[in-house]
Amino acid sequence: MKVRLVREYRFEAAHRLPHVPEGHKCQRLHGHSFKIELAIAGPVNDQTGWFIDFGELDEIWAPLYDALDHRYLNDVPGLENPTSEVLSRWLWERLQPKLPQLVRVTVHETCDARCEYEGD
């Protein structure tokens, strides 16, 4: 049996978008309550009955949370232009080597706007 699991994480951060047109509201400093969804896919172990322990995902996520939570994202290396698109790829690049089962990173910037990234 093959499954897809999705784990949600949240962090608070501020940013500004430096490359938007002059006068655009996102050019000003502002913050978001980001929600991140990590989707992984693979086979269920017949003995344990699960694909992966969610605690293992939590351990992989922890250093990224520490790097992002209550930070000014523009100061994080690689996030100088911290759009949801750039952030989703930034997360993928740091997660996928440790989590090869990763199939999608979703960044929810607001409750009704998100970016889904599935690698290049």
Protein backbone atom coordinates (compact mmCIF):
# COMPACT_ATOMS: atom_id res chain seq x y z
CA MET A 1 0.00 0.00 0.00
CA LYS A 2 1.32 3.45 -0.94
CA VAL A 3 0.14 6.59 0.86
CA ARG A 4 0.65 10.33 0.90
CA LEU A 5 1.00 11.98 4.30
CA VAL A 6 0.76 15.69 4.97
CA ARG A 7 2.14 17.39 8.07
CA GLU A 8 1.40 21.04 8.90
CA TYR A 9 3.77 23.46 10.58
CA ARG A 10 3.40 27.14 11.44
CA PHE A 11 5.68 30.06 12.08
CA GLU A 12 5.43 33.83 12.41
CA ALA A 13 7.71 36.10 10.43
CA ALA A 14 8.05 39.54 8.89
CA HIS A 15 9.23 40.41 5.42
CA ARG A 16 9.00 42.90 2.61
CA LEU A 17 9.15 42.28 -1.10
CA PRO A 18 11.90 44.45 -2.61
CA HIS A 19 11.13 43.82 -6.29
CA VAL A 20 7.44 44.70 -6.51
CA PRO A 21 6.33 47.91 -8.27
CA GLU A 22 6.80 51.19 -6.42
CA GLY A 23 3.88 51.81 -4.07
CA HIS A 24 2.83 48.14 -3.85
CA LYS A 25 1.66 47.32 -0.32
CA CYS A 26 4.00 44.31 -0.07
CA GLN A 27 6.98 46.62 -0.48
CA ARG A 28 6.32 47.80 3.07
CA LEU A 29 7.42 45.77 6.08
CA HIS A 30 4.64 43.40 7.17
CA GLY A 31 4.19 40.00 8.77
CA HIS A 32 2.37 36.74 8.26
CA SER A 33 1.33 33.70 10.20
CA PHE A 34 2.77 31.20 7.73
CA LYS A 35 1.41 27.67 7.49
CA ILE A 36 3.62 25.10 5.81
CA GLU A 37 2.41 21.74 4.55
CA LEU A 38 4.92 19.02 3.82
CA ALA A 39 3.58 16.15 1.70
CA ILE A 40 5.49 12.90 1.53
CA ALA A 41 4.62 9.70 -0.31
CA GLY A 42 5.72 6.11 -0.06
CA PRO A 43 4.87 2.58 1.01
CA VAL A 44 3.35 1.60 4.34
CA ASN A 45 5.50 -0.79 6.35
CA ASP A 46 3.49 -3.99 6.79
CA GLN A 47 4.88 -4.56 10.28
CA THR A 48 4.45 -1.07 11.78
CA GLY A 49 1.36 -0.11 9.78
CA TRP A 50 2.74 3.34 9.01
CA PHE A 51 4.87 4.97 6.35
CA ILE A 52 6.92 7.27 8.61
CA ASP A 53 6.81 8.41 12.20
CA PHE A 54 5.58 12.02 12.34
CA GLY A 55 8.22 12.59 15.03
CA GLU A 56 10.88 12.01 12.39
CA LEU A 57 9.33 14.80 10.29
CA ASP A 58 9.27 17.06 13.33
CA GLU A 59 13.01 16.53 13.86
CA ILE A 60 13.75 17.39 10.23
CA TRP A 61 11.54 20.52 10.41
CA ALA A 62 12.94 21.84 13.73
CA PRO A 63 16.09 23.58 12.38
CA LEU A 64 14.07 25.31 9.67
CA TYR A 65 11.53 26.49 12.21
CA ASP A 66 14.37 27.93 14.29
CA ALA A 67 15.74 29.73 11.23
CA LEU A 68 12.35 31.25 10.27
CA ASP A 69 10.14 31.79 13.31
CA HIS A 70 9.93 35.39 14.51
CA ARG A 71 12.57 36.45 12.00
CA TYR A 72 12.84 39.09 9.33
CA LEU A 73 12.91 36.75 6.34
CA ASN A 74 14.85 39.18 4.12
CA ASP A 75 17.84 38.65 6.46
CA VAL A 76 17.80 34.86 6.05
CA PRO A 77 20.40 33.79 3.46
CA GLY A 78 18.60 32.79 0.26
CA LEU A 79 15.44 34.69 1.19
CA GLU A 80 16.45 38.21 0.27
CA ASN A 81 13.31 38.33 -1.93
CA PRO A 82 11.02 36.21 0.30
CA THR A 83 7.98 35.62 -1.87
CA SER A 84 5.93 32.50 -1.17
CA GLU A 85 7.38 31.04 -4.37
CA VAL A 86 10.97 31.62 -3.27
CA LEU A 87 10.22 30.39 0.26
CA SER A 88 8.64 27.16 -0.99
CA ARG A 89 11.72 26.35 -3.08
CA TRP A 90 14.06 27.38 -0.24
CA LEU A 91 12.26 24.92 2.04
CA TRP A 92 12.33 22.17 -0.59
CA GLU A 93 16.08 22.54 -1.10
CA ARG A 94 16.73 22.11 2.62
CA LEU A 95 14.20 19.35 3.25
CA GLN A 96 14.49 17.09 0.23
CA PRO A 97 18.07 15.84 0.87
CA LYS A 98 16.99 14.65 4.34
CA LEU A 99 13.52 13.64 3.22
CA PRO A 100 13.69 12.07 -0.26
CA GLN A 101 10.03 11.03 0.05
CA LEU A 102 9.03 14.71 -0.18
CA VAL A 103 6.58 15.33 -3.02
CA ARG A 104 5.22 18.81 -2.24
CA VAL A 105 5.87 21.88 -0.10
CA THR A 106 2.92 24.22 0.32
CA VAL A 107 3.38 27.70 1.77
CA HIS A 108 0.21 29.40 3.02
CA GLU A 109 0.95 33.09 3.31
CA THR A 110 -2.63 33.93 4.30
CA CYS A 111 -5.71 31.82 4.93
CA ASP A 112 -6.72 32.09 1.28
CA ALA A 113 -3.42 32.33 -0.65
CA ARG A 114 -0.81 29.62 -1.03
CA CYS A 115 2.03 28.40 -3.22
CA GLU A 116 2.58 24.71 -3.96
CA TYR A 117 6.04 23.54 -5.05
CA GLU A 118 6.88 20.03 -6.25
CA GLY A 119 10.52 20.46 -7.24
CA ASP A 120 11.99 21.40 -10.57
